[in-house]
Amino acid sequence: MRGPRDVPARVPPQHTEGKGSQMRRIALPSGESVPVLGQGTWGWGEDPGRRGDEVAALRTGLDLGMTLVDTAEMYAGGGAEEVLGEALAGRRDSAFVVSKVLPSHASRSGTISACERSLERLRTDRIDLYLLHWQGGHPLEDTLAAFQQLVDVGKIRYWGVSNFDYLALTDLLDLPGSGGLATDQVLYNLSRRGPEYDLLPWCADHELPVMAYSPIEQGRILGDATLGDVAARHGISPAAAALAWVLRRDSLCTIPKASNPEHVRDNATALDAELTREDLDALDRAFPPPNGPRPLEIL
């Protein structure tokens, strides 16, 4: 069992098409890059009264260069995909869209049917990155075969997985057709640091980028006094400080959800925050890193 590894050095910021922000990007195995800060849609589509704010939030993020957008067929029973489809009307080419198939649908034929339903809700002809949401009962070989079939016909461009620990990734790479694996999307934030012990080093060794979901723990960590002190030193919100902490790592991107344009703009301030060694040491005391392996946590 490997031990924890030092935080990799960050690459210099790169400009994107976004307005007013410097956005780093990370490369997928294909060589195509995505912004390190994207947008999530978990919880979207559940309340029709919030739909206008959700659409406006997504469009604001696109304007700021946060063009990586994550959704799933599970979210609001496809409602989040429908909101995203509305938000992308007239500007689909400006977004890198990620969606997910439920494990219960992830047979060979079921994966293809689920993808086609997602495409209809998203009002698009392709999904940029299609993930298996978590491991289920269908053989992975069948899911991978379906992913390859969807790539071959142009309905998805890349595929990946979500909520896989490093042992599951190791097993996956032994399967035929696993060479196209593009990412692992996992729960990672200040209060969920288990991936630092084994998963993140494994992914670094295999040049597999990681996508972190729930980077502010659905708001539950925002009242922490140490995080508040770090935020105050940088003149940003605790949420932005928590995002800056996640973004300190190379080869990792994150997809916070924002409920309105103001929240999106606040998230974007994390891009300019350079946490100091003092900041990181203080956060390590408040949120200790793992000193041994931990089961991969899932929300």
C-alpha atoms as a PDB file:
ATOM      1  CA  MET A   1       0.000   0.000   0.000  1.00  0.00           C
ATOM      2  CA  ARG A   2       1.407   3.347  -0.985  1.00  0.00           C
ATOM      3  CA  GLY A   3       1.533   6.327   1.316  1.00  0.00           C
ATOM      4  CA  PRO A   4       0.401   9.911   0.723  1.00  0.00           C
ATOM      5  CA  ARG A   5       2.303  12.013  -1.777  1.00  0.00           C
ATOM      6  CA  ASP A   6       3.207  15.679  -1.750  1.00  0.00           C
ATOM      7  CA  VAL A   7       0.912  18.022  -3.642  1.00  0.00           C
ATOM      8  CA  PRO A   8       2.099  18.246  -7.257  1.00  0.00           C
ATOM      9  CA  ALA A   9       3.278  21.601  -8.522  1.00  0.00           C
ATOM     10  CA  ARG A  10       0.708  23.710 -10.285  1.00  0.00           C
ATOM     11  CA  VAL A  11       1.138  24.646 -13.893  1.00  0.00           C
ATOM     12  CA  PRO A  12       1.081  28.323 -14.860  1.00  0.00           C
ATOM     13  CA  PRO A  13      -2.386  29.773 -15.479  1.00  0.00           C
ATOM     14  CA  GLN A  14      -3.578  29.900 -19.056  1.00  0.00           C
ATOM     15  CA  HIS A  15      -6.049  32.367 -20.498  1.00  0.00           C
ATOM     16  CA  THR A  16      -9.345  31.077 -21.851  1.00  0.00           C
ATOM     17  CA  GLU A  17     -12.229  32.626 -23.659  1.00  0.00           C
ATOM     18  CA  GLY A  18     -13.801  33.537 -20.300  1.00  0.00           C
ATOM     19  CA  LYS A  19     -14.102  37.173 -19.307  1.00  0.00           C
ATOM     20  CA  GLY A  20     -11.972  38.540 -16.523  1.00  0.00           C
ATOM     21  CA  SER A  21     -10.519  35.295 -15.192  1.00  0.00           C
ATOM     22  CA  GLN A  22      -7.405  33.242 -15.708  1.00  0.00           C
ATOM     23  CA  MET A  23      -8.340  29.618 -16.114  1.00  0.00           C
ATOM     24  CA  ARG A  24      -5.977  26.701 -15.845  1.00  0.00           C
ATOM     25  CA  ARG A  25      -6.825  23.667 -17.902  1.00  0.00           C
ATOM     26  CA  ILE A  26      -6.014  19.987 -17.544  1.00  0.00           C
ATOM     27  CA  ALA A  27      -5.469  17.535 -20.350  1.00  0.00           C
ATOM     28  CA  LEU A  28      -7.552  14.439 -20.887  1.00  0.00           C
ATOM     29  CA  PRO A  29      -5.703  11.318 -22.107  1.00  0.00           C
ATOM     30  CA  SER A  30      -6.758  12.263 -25.650  1.00  0.00           C
ATOM     31  CA  GLY A  31      -4.822  15.522 -25.371  1.00  0.00           C
ATOM     32  CA  GLU A  32      -7.950  17.680 -25.364  1.00  0.00           C
ATOM     33  CA  SER A  33      -8.127  19.978 -22.351  1.00  0.00           C
ATOM     34  CA  VAL A  34     -10.929  21.098 -20.043  1.00  0.00           C
ATOM     35  CA  PRO A  35     -11.043  23.961 -17.533  1.00  0.00           C
ATOM     36  CA  VAL A  36     -10.129  23.127 -13.952  1.00  0.00           C
ATOM     37  CA  LEU A  37     -13.257  24.890 -12.689  1.00  0.00           C
ATOM     38  CA  GLY A  38     -16.559  23.776 -14.153  1.00  0.00           C
ATOM     39  CA  GLN A  39     -20.192  23.618 -13.119  1.00  0.00           C
ATOM     40  CA  GLY A  40     -22.350  20.920 -11.563  1.00  0.00           C
ATOM     41  CA  THR A  41     -26.109  20.414 -11.831  1.00  0.00           C
ATOM     42  CA  TRP A  42     -26.911  18.064  -8.948  1.00  0.00           C
ATOM     43  CA  GLY A  43     -30.255  19.306  -7.593  1.00  0.00           C
ATOM     44  CA  TRP A  44     -31.208  21.187 -10.733  1.00  0.00           C
ATOM     45  CA  GLY A  45     -34.574  20.538 -12.323  1.00  0.00           C
ATOM     46  CA  GLU A  46     -36.303  19.693  -9.046  1.00  0.00           C
ATOM     47  CA  ASP A  47     -38.159  23.005  -8.582  1.00  0.00           C
ATOM     48  CA  PRO A  48     -39.696  24.714 -11.640  1.00  0.00           C
ATOM     49  CA  GLY A  49     -39.524  28.014  -9.766  1.00  0.00           C
ATOM     50  CA  ARG A  50     -35.723  27.884  -9.769  1.00  0.00           C
ATOM     51  CA  ARG A  51     -35.336  27.010 -13.438  1.00  0.00           C
ATOM     52  CA  GLY A  52     -34.706  30.576 -14.578  1.00  0.00           C
ATOM     53  CA  ASP A  53     -31.895  31.038 -12.054  1.00  0.00           C
ATOM     54  CA  GLU A  54     -30.388  27.673 -12.997  1.00  0.00           C
ATOM     55  CA  VAL A  55     -30.323  28.524 -16.690  1.00  0.00           C
ATOM     56  CA  ALA A  56     -28.887  31.968 -15.958  1.00  0.00           C
ATOM     57  CA  ALA A  57     -26.218  30.462 -13.685  1.00  0.00           C
ATOM     58  CA  LEU A  58     -25.060  28.045 -16.367  1.00  0.00           C
ATOM     59  CA  ARG A  59     -24.853  30.777 -18.990  1.00  0.00           C
ATOM     60  CA  THR A  60     -22.939  33.060 -16.616  1.00  0.00           C
ATOM     61  CA  GLY A  61     -20.430  30.292 -16.006  1.00  0.00           C
ATOM     62  CA  LEU A  62     -19.950  29.750 -19.726  1.00  0.00           C
ATOM     63  CA  ASP A  63     -19.230  33.463 -20.108  1.00  0.00           C
ATOM     64  CA  LEU A  64     -16.565  33.159 -17.400  1.00  0.00           C
ATOM     65  CA  GLY A  65     -14.864  30.210 -19.104  1.00  0.00           C
ATOM     66  CA  MET A  66     -16.390  27.544 -16.839  1.00  0.00           C
ATOM     67  CA  THR A  67     -17.322  25.499 -19.881  1.00  0.00           C
ATOM     68  CA  LEU A  68     -17.059  22.052 -18.280  1.00  0.00           C
ATOM     69  CA  VAL A  69     -20.633  21.172 -17.225  1.00  0.00           C
ATOM     70  CA  ASP A  70     -21.593  17.986 -15.406  1.00  0.00           C
ATOM     71  CA  THR A  71     -25.015  16.349 -15.164  1.00  0.00           C
ATOM     72  CA  ALA A  72     -26.560  12.871 -14.983  1.00  0.00           C
ATOM     73  CA  GLU A  73     -29.717  11.005 -15.911  1.00  0.00           C
ATOM     74  CA  MET A  74     -30.262  10.420 -12.170  1.00  0.00           C
ATOM     75  CA  TYR A  75     -30.499  14.107 -11.269  1.00  0.00           C
ATOM     76  CA  ALA A  76     -34.194  14.955 -10.912  1.00  0.00           C
ATOM     77  CA  GLY A  77     -35.001  11.935 -13.081  1.00  0.00           C
ATOM     78  CA  GLY A  78     -33.478  13.656 -16.106  1.00  0.00           C
ATOM     79  CA  GLY A  79     -34.738  17.111 -15.128  1.00  0.00           C
ATOM     80  CA  ALA A  80     -31.220  18.483 -14.715  1.00  0.00           C
ATOM     81  CA  GLU A  81     -30.363  17.380 -18.241  1.00  0.00           C
ATOM     82  CA  GLU A  82     -33.446  19.198 -19.512  1.00  0.00           C
ATOM     83  CA  VAL A  83     -32.414  22.415 -17.747  1.00  0.00           C
ATOM     84  CA  LEU A  84     -28.929  22.085 -19.182  1.00  0.00           C
ATOM     85  CA  GLY A  85     -30.356  21.524 -22.643  1.00  0.00           C
ATOM     86  CA  GLU A  86     -32.338  24.743 -22.345  1.00  0.00           C
ATOM     87  CA  ALA A  87     -29.317  26.661 -21.067  1.00  0.00           C
ATOM     88  CA  LEU A  88     -27.152  25.472 -23.956  1.00  0.00           C
ATOM     89  CA  ALA A  89     -29.626  26.473 -26.676  1.00  0.00           C
ATOM     90  CA  GLY A  90     -27.665  28.374 -29.309  1.00  0.00           C
ATOM     91  CA  ARG A  91     -24.307  27.804 -27.634  1.00  0.00           C
ATOM     92  CA  ARG A  92     -23.828  24.047 -27.428  1.00  0.00           C
ATOM     93  CA  ASP A  93     -20.377  24.251 -29.020  1.00  0.00           C
ATOM     94  CA  SER A  94     -19.105  26.430 -26.163  1.00  0.00           C
ATOM     95  CA  ALA A  95     -19.629  23.694 -23.543  1.00  0.00           C
ATOM     96  CA  PHE A  96     -17.955  20.389 -22.696  1.00  0.00           C
ATOM     97  CA  VAL A  97     -20.904  18.302 -21.495  1.00  0.00           C
ATOM     98  CA  VAL A  98     -20.529  15.417 -19.050  1.00  0.00           C
ATOM     99  CA  SER A  99     -23.400  13.073 -18.229  1.00  0.00           C
ATOM    100  CA  LYS A 100     -23.743   9.688 -16.546  1.00  0.00           C
ATOM    101  CA  VAL A 101     -25.554   6.399 -16.958  1.00  0.00           C
ATOM    102  CA  LEU A 102     -27.093   4.747 -13.920  1.00  0.00           C
ATOM    103  CA  PRO A 103     -25.590   1.350 -13.021  1.00  0.00           C
ATOM    104  CA  SER A 104     -29.040  -0.242 -13.307  1.00  0.00           C
ATOM    105  CA  HIS A 105     -29.109   0.820 -16.979  1.00  0.00           C
ATOM    106  CA  ALA A 106     -25.499  -0.106 -17.737  1.00  0.00           C
ATOM    107  CA  SER A 107     -25.976  -3.290 -19.715  1.00  0.00           C
ATOM    108  CA  ARG A 108     -24.771  -3.089 -23.319  1.00  0.00           C
ATOM    109  CA  SER A 109     -28.203  -2.281 -24.765  1.00  0.00           C
ATOM    110  CA  GLY A 110     -29.310  -0.357 -21.664  1.00  0.00           C
ATOM    111  CA  THR A 111     -26.331   1.984 -21.808  1.00  0.00           C
ATOM    112  CA  ILE A 112     -27.067   2.841 -25.416  1.00  0.00           C
ATOM    113  CA  SER A 113     -30.756   3.446 -24.703  1.00  0.00           C
ATOM    114  CA  ALA A 114     -29.947   5.584 -21.648  1.00  0.00           C
ATOM    115  CA  CYS A 115     -27.517   7.675 -23.683  1.00  0.00           C
ATOM    116  CA  GLU A 116     -30.114   8.251 -26.378  1.00  0.00           C
ATOM    117  CA  ARG A 117     -32.620   9.442 -23.761  1.00  0.00           C
ATOM    118  CA  SER A 118     -30.014  11.795 -22.297  1.00  0.00           C
ATOM    119  CA  LEU A 119     -29.232  13.200 -25.738  1.00  0.00           C
ATOM    120  CA  GLU A 120     -32.899  13.961 -26.255  1.00  0.00           C
ATOM    121  CA  ARG A 121     -33.199  15.746 -22.912  1.00  0.00           C
ATOM    122  CA  LEU A 122     -29.971  17.655 -23.544  1.00  0.00           C
ATOM    123  CA  ARG A 123     -31.153  18.668 -27.042  1.00  0.00           C
ATOM    124  CA  THR A 124     -27.812  17.692 -28.544  1.00  0.00           C
ATOM    125  CA  ASP A 125     -26.355  15.119 -30.880  1.00  0.00           C
ATOM    126  CA  ARG A 126     -23.386  14.174 -28.675  1.00  0.00           C
ATOM    127  CA  ILE A 127     -22.185  14.000 -25.081  1.00  0.00           C
ATOM    128  CA  ASP A 128     -18.561  14.979 -24.688  1.00  0.00           C
ATOM    129  CA  LEU A 129     -17.846  12.667 -21.741  1.00  0.00           C
ATOM    130  CA  TYR A 130     -20.150   9.847 -20.620  1.00  0.00           C
ATOM    131  CA  LEU A 131     -19.567   8.204 -17.241  1.00  0.00           C
ATOM    132  CA  LEU A 132     -20.728   5.087 -15.450  1.00  0.00           C
ATOM    133  CA  HIS A 133     -22.169   6.694 -12.301  1.00  0.00           C
ATOM    134  CA  TRP A 134     -20.954   3.927  -9.966  1.00  0.00           C
ATOM    135  CA  GLN A 135     -20.335   0.206 -10.107  1.00  0.00           C
ATOM    136  CA  GLY A 136     -23.403  -1.978 -10.391  1.00  0.00           C
ATOM    137  CA  GLY A 137     -24.507  -5.473 -11.257  1.00  0.00           C
ATOM    138  CA  HIS A 138     -23.982  -5.432 -15.010  1.00  0.00           C
ATOM    139  CA  PRO A 139     -20.625  -6.746 -16.265  1.00  0.00           C
ATOM    140  CA  LEU A 140     -18.210  -3.898 -16.887  1.00  0.00           C
ATOM    141  CA  GLU A 141     -17.200  -5.530 -20.141  1.00  0.00           C
ATOM    142  CA  ASP A 142     -20.720  -4.906 -21.464  1.00  0.00           C
ATOM    143  CA  THR A 143     -20.712  -1.283 -20.347  1.00  0.00           C
ATOM    144  CA  LEU A 144     -17.326  -0.682 -21.983  1.00  0.00           C
ATOM    145  CA  ALA A 145     -18.533  -2.318 -25.189  1.00  0.00           C
ATOM    146  CA  ALA A 146     -21.532   0.009 -25.210  1.00  0.00           C
ATOM    147  CA  PHE A 147     -19.316   3.025 -24.588  1.00  0.00           C
ATOM    148  CA  GLN A 148     -17.140   2.059 -27.553  1.00  0.00           C
ATOM    149  CA  GLN A 149     -20.197   1.582 -29.744  1.00  0.00           C
ATOM    150  CA  LEU A 150     -21.441   5.040 -28.754  1.00  0.00           C
ATOM    151  CA  VAL A 151     -18.020   6.520 -29.551  1.00  0.00           C
ATOM    152  CA  ASP A 152     -17.974   4.779 -32.925  1.00  0.00           C
ATOM    153  CA  VAL A 153     -21.300   6.336 -33.973  1.00  0.00           C
ATOM    154  CA  GLY A 154     -20.452   9.778 -32.582  1.00  0.00           C
ATOM    155  CA  LYS A 155     -23.039   9.903 -29.780  1.00  0.00           C
ATOM    156  CA  ILE A 156     -20.315  10.287 -27.162  1.00  0.00           C
ATOM    157  CA  ARG A 157     -16.753  11.528 -27.595  1.00  0.00           C
ATOM    158  CA  TYR A 158     -15.108  10.066 -24.495  1.00  0.00           C
ATOM    159  CA  TRP A 159     -16.090   7.827 -21.591  1.00  0.00           C
ATOM    160  CA  GLY A 160     -15.087   7.429 -17.974  1.00  0.00           C
ATOM    161  CA  VAL A 161     -16.255   6.304 -14.560  1.00  0.00           C
ATOM    162  CA  SER A 162     -17.402   7.813 -11.292  1.00  0.00           C
ATOM    163  CA  ASN A 163     -16.994   6.639  -7.684  1.00  0.00           C
ATOM    164  CA  PHE A 164     -14.300   4.057  -8.509  1.00  0.00           C
ATOM    165  CA  ASP A 165     -11.508   3.516  -5.982  1.00  0.00           C
ATOM    166  CA  TYR A 166      -8.025   2.673  -7.191  1.00  0.00           C
ATOM    167  CA  LEU A 167      -8.575  -1.072  -6.833  1.00  0.00           C
ATOM    168  CA  ALA A 168     -11.681  -0.873  -9.031  1.00  0.00           C
ATOM    169  CA  LEU A 169      -9.708   1.174 -11.561  1.00  0.00           C
ATOM    170  CA  THR A 170      -6.957  -1.442 -11.533  1.00  0.00           C
ATOM    171  CA  ASP A 171      -9.490  -4.168 -12.275  1.00  0.00           C
ATOM    172  CA  LEU A 172     -11.084  -2.047 -15.010  1.00  0.00           C
ATOM    173  CA  LEU A 173      -7.777  -1.579 -16.794  1.00  0.00           C
ATOM    174  CA  ASP A 174      -7.471  -5.357 -17.095  1.00  0.00           C
ATOM    175  CA  LEU A 175     -10.620  -5.498 -19.238  1.00  0.00           C
ATOM    176  CA  PRO A 176     -10.758  -5.406 -23.046  1.00  0.00           C
ATOM    177  CA  GLY A 177     -11.648  -1.933 -24.291  1.00  0.00           C
ATOM    178  CA  SER A 178     -10.432  -0.119 -21.187  1.00  0.00           C
ATOM    179  CA  GLY A 179      -7.883   1.946 -23.086  1.00  0.00           C
ATOM    180  CA  GLY A 180     -10.327   4.800 -23.617  1.00  0.00           C
ATOM    181  CA  LEU A 181     -10.758   5.606 -19.912  1.00  0.00           C
ATOM    182  CA  ALA A 182     -10.751   9.411 -19.655  1.00  0.00           C
ATOM    183  CA  THR A 183     -11.415  10.244 -15.974  1.00  0.00           C
ATOM    184  CA  ASP A 184     -12.633   9.119 -12.569  1.00  0.00           C
ATOM    185  CA  GLN A 185     -15.131  11.465 -10.921  1.00  0.00           C
ATOM    186  CA  VAL A 186     -15.027  11.161  -7.119  1.00  0.00           C
ATOM    187  CA  LEU A 187     -16.042  12.908  -3.920  1.00  0.00           C
ATOM    188  CA  TYR A 188     -13.145  15.078  -2.765  1.00  0.00           C
ATOM    189  CA  ASN A 189     -13.070  18.125  -0.519  1.00  0.00           C
ATOM    190  CA  LEU A 190     -11.527  19.350   2.731  1.00  0.00           C
ATOM    191  CA  SER A 191     -13.636  17.004   4.839  1.00  0.00           C
ATOM    192  CA  ARG A 192     -13.307  14.011   2.445  1.00  0.00           C
ATOM    193  CA  ARG A 193      -9.572  13.625   1.950  1.00  0.00           C
ATOM    194  CA  GLY A 194      -9.347   9.847   1.714  1.00  0.00           C
ATOM    195  CA  PRO A 195      -8.466   9.883  -2.028  1.00  0.00           C
ATOM    196  CA  GLU A 196      -5.162  11.600  -1.183  1.00  0.00           C
ATOM    197  CA  TYR A 197      -3.764   8.401   0.328  1.00  0.00           C
ATOM    198  CA  ASP A 198      -4.040   6.040  -2.622  1.00  0.00           C
ATOM    199  CA  LEU A 199      -6.473   7.052  -5.366  1.00  0.00           C
ATOM    200  CA  LEU A 200      -4.927  10.389  -6.341  1.00  0.00           C
ATOM    201  CA  PRO A 201      -1.359   8.989  -6.414  1.00  0.00           C
ATOM    202  CA  TRP A 202      -2.584   6.011  -8.476  1.00  0.00           C
ATOM    203  CA  CYS A 203      -4.293   8.334 -10.954  1.00  0.00           C
ATOM    204  CA  ALA A 204      -1.169  10.501 -11.176  1.00  0.00           C
ATOM    205  CA  ASP A 205       0.942   7.414 -11.907  1.00  0.00           C
ATOM    206  CA  HIS A 206      -1.469   6.401 -14.676  1.00  0.00           C
ATOM    207  CA  GLU A 207      -1.884   9.946 -16.035  1.00  0.00           C
ATOM    208  CA  LEU A 208      -5.615   9.788 -15.382  1.00  0.00           C
ATOM    209  CA  PRO A 209      -7.230  13.145 -14.576  1.00  0.00           C
ATOM    210  CA  VAL A 210      -9.615  13.298 -11.630  1.00  0.00           C
ATOM    211  CA  MET A 211     -12.898  15.211 -11.465  1.00  0.00           C
ATOM    212  CA  ALA A 212     -13.869  16.240  -7.921  1.00  0.00           C
ATOM    213  CA  TYR A 213     -17.554  16.537  -7.082  1.00  0.00           C
ATOM    214  CA  SER A 214     -19.113  18.261  -4.045  1.00  0.00           C
ATOM    215  CA  PRO A 215     -15.944  20.352  -3.483  1.00  0.00           C
ATOM    216  CA  ILE A 216     -17.610  22.383  -0.719  1.00  0.00           C
ATOM    217  CA  GLU A 217     -19.389  19.370   0.849  1.00  0.00           C
ATOM    218  CA  GLN A 218     -22.797  20.798  -0.092  1.00  0.00           C
ATOM    219  CA  GLY A 219     -22.042  23.805   2.123  1.00  0.00           C
ATOM    220  CA  ARG A 220     -21.528  21.840   5.325  1.00  0.00           C
ATOM    221  CA  ILE A 221     -17.898  22.958   5.806  1.00  0.00           C
ATOM    222  CA  LEU A 222     -18.453  26.653   5.162  1.00  0.00           C
ATOM    223  CA  GLY A 223     -18.932  27.567   8.824  1.00  0.00           C
ATOM    224  CA  ASP A 224     -15.511  26.241   9.850  1.00  0.00           C
ATOM    225  CA  ALA A 225     -13.533  28.977  11.619  1.00  0.00           C
ATOM    226  CA  THR A 226     -10.172  28.077  10.064  1.00  0.00           C
ATOM    227  CA  LEU A 227     -11.624  28.098   6.563  1.00  0.00           C
ATOM    228  CA  GLY A 228     -13.207  31.463   7.367  1.00  0.00           C
ATOM    229  CA  ASP A 229      -9.851  32.850   8.492  1.00  0.00           C
ATOM    230  CA  VAL A 230      -8.158  31.671   5.282  1.00  0.00           C
ATOM    231  CA  ALA A 231     -10.937  33.203   3.202  1.00  0.00           C
ATOM    232  CA  ALA A 232     -10.674  36.513   5.057  1.00  0.00           C
ATOM    233  CA  ARG A 233      -6.909  36.697   4.447  1.00  0.00           C
ATOM    234  CA  HIS A 234      -7.534  36.436   0.715  1.00  0.00           C
ATOM    235  CA  GLY A 235     -10.652  38.608   0.593  1.00  0.00           C
ATOM    236  CA  ILE A 236     -12.832  35.787  -0.748  1.00  0.00           C
ATOM    237  CA  SER A 237     -15.752  33.753   0.525  1.00  0.00           C
ATOM    238  CA  PRO A 238     -15.285  30.482   2.456  1.00  0.00           C
ATOM    239  CA  ALA A 239     -16.744  28.660  -0.557  1.00  0.00           C
ATOM    240  CA  ALA A 240     -14.129  30.162  -2.850  1.00  0.00           C
ATOM    241  CA  ALA A 241     -11.389  29.301  -0.359  1.00  0.00           C
ATOM    242  CA  ALA A 242     -12.584  25.680  -0.247  1.00  0.00           C
ATOM    243  CA  LEU A 243     -12.528  25.575  -4.047  1.00  0.00           C
ATOM    244  CA  ALA A 244      -9.040  27.096  -4.146  1.00  0.00           C
ATOM    245  CA  TRP A 245      -7.895  24.326  -1.792  1.00  0.00           C
ATOM    246  CA  VAL A 246      -9.234  21.641  -4.153  1.00  0.00           C
ATOM    247  CA  LEU A 247      -7.722  23.410  -7.154  1.00  0.00           C
ATOM    248  CA  ARG A 248      -4.251  23.437  -5.580  1.00  0.00           C
ATOM    249  CA  ARG A 249      -3.712  20.010  -7.163  1.00  0.00           C
ATOM    250  CA  ASP A 250      -2.525  19.421 -10.677  1.00  0.00           C
ATOM    251  CA  SER A 251      -4.442  17.056 -13.007  1.00  0.00           C
ATOM    252  CA  LEU A 252      -7.684  17.677 -11.140  1.00  0.00           C
ATOM    253  CA  CYS A 253     -10.785  19.647 -12.049  1.00  0.00           C
ATOM    254  CA  THR A 254     -13.912  20.315 -10.018  1.00  0.00           C
ATOM    255  CA  ILE A 255     -17.594  20.919 -10.695  1.00  0.00           C
ATOM    256  CA  PRO A 256     -19.292  22.978  -7.955  1.00  0.00           C
ATOM    257  CA  LYS A 257     -22.996  23.610  -8.270  1.00  0.00           C
ATOM    258  CA  ALA A 258     -24.169  27.222  -8.218  1.00  0.00           C
ATOM    259  CA  SER A 259     -27.814  28.122  -7.829  1.00  0.00           C
ATOM    260  CA  ASN A 260     -27.680  31.597  -9.391  1.00  0.00           C
ATOM    261  CA  PRO A 261     -25.321  33.895 -11.339  1.00  0.00           C
ATOM    262  CA  GLU A 262     -24.025  35.612  -8.192  1.00  0.00           C
ATOM    263  CA  HIS A 263     -22.965  32.252  -6.788  1.00  0.00           C
ATOM    264  CA  VAL A 264     -21.211  31.393 -10.057  1.00  0.00           C
ATOM    265  CA  ARG A 265     -19.247  34.641  -9.999  1.00  0.00           C
ATOM    266  CA  ASP A 266     -18.251  33.960  -6.392  1.00  0.00           C
ATOM    267  CA  ASN A 267     -16.991  30.486  -7.340  1.00  0.00           C
ATOM    268  CA  ALA A 268     -14.882  32.022 -10.097  1.00  0.00           C
ATOM    269  CA  THR A 269     -12.939  34.115  -7.558  1.00  0.00           C
ATOM    270  CA  ALA A 270     -11.267  30.877  -6.440  1.00  0.00           C
ATOM    271  CA  LEU A 271      -9.241  30.955  -9.658  1.00  0.00           C
ATOM    272  CA  ASP A 272      -7.208  33.937  -8.496  1.00  0.00           C
ATOM    273  CA  ALA A 273      -6.615  32.745  -4.916  1.00  0.00           C
ATOM    274  CA  GLU A 274      -3.117  31.382  -4.264  1.00  0.00           C
ATOM    275  CA  LEU A 275      -3.202  29.664  -0.886  1.00  0.00           C
ATOM    276  CA  THR A 276       0.020  29.989   1.095  1.00  0.00           C
ATOM    277  CA  ARG A 277       1.886  27.314   3.027  1.00  0.00           C
ATOM    278  CA  GLU A 278       0.501  28.939   6.189  1.00  0.00           C
ATOM    279  CA  ASP A 279      -3.020  28.544   4.815  1.00  0.00           C
ATOM    280  CA  LEU A 280      -2.477  24.920   3.854  1.00  0.00           C
ATOM    281  CA  ASP A 281      -0.911  24.019   7.193  1.00  0.00           C
ATOM    282  CA  ALA A 282      -3.805  25.604   9.063  1.00  0.00           C
ATOM    283  CA  LEU A 283      -6.327  23.699   6.946  1.00  0.00           C
ATOM    284  CA  ASP A 284      -4.388  20.467   7.517  1.00  0.00           C
ATOM    285  CA  ARG A 285      -4.811  20.978  11.257  1.00  0.00           C
ATOM    286  CA  ALA A 286      -8.525  21.682  10.895  1.00  0.00           C
ATOM    287  CA  PHE A 287      -9.106  18.919   8.310  1.00  0.00           C
ATOM    288  CA  PRO A 288      -6.340  16.317   8.829  1.00  0.00           C
ATOM    289  CA  PRO A 289      -5.107  14.408   5.775  1.00  0.00           C
ATOM    290  CA  PRO A 290      -5.452  10.615   5.818  1.00  0.00           C
ATOM    291  CA  ASN A 291      -2.736   8.599   7.554  1.00  0.00           C
ATOM    292  CA  GLY A 292      -3.911   5.329   6.053  1.00  0.00           C
ATOM    293  CA  PRO A 293      -6.292   3.903   3.476  1.00  0.00           C
ATOM    294  CA  ARG A 294      -9.965   4.802   3.732  1.00  0.00           C
ATOM    295  CA  PRO A 295     -12.945   3.428   1.832  1.00  0.00           C
ATOM    296  CA  LEU A 296     -13.923   5.746  -1.011  1.00  0.00           C
ATOM    297  CA  GLU A 297     -16.789   7.902   0.187  1.00  0.00           C
ATOM    298  CA  ILE A 298     -19.836   8.600  -1.953  1.00  0.00           C
ATOM    299  CA  LEU A 299     -22.658  11.132  -1.755  1.00  0.00           C
END
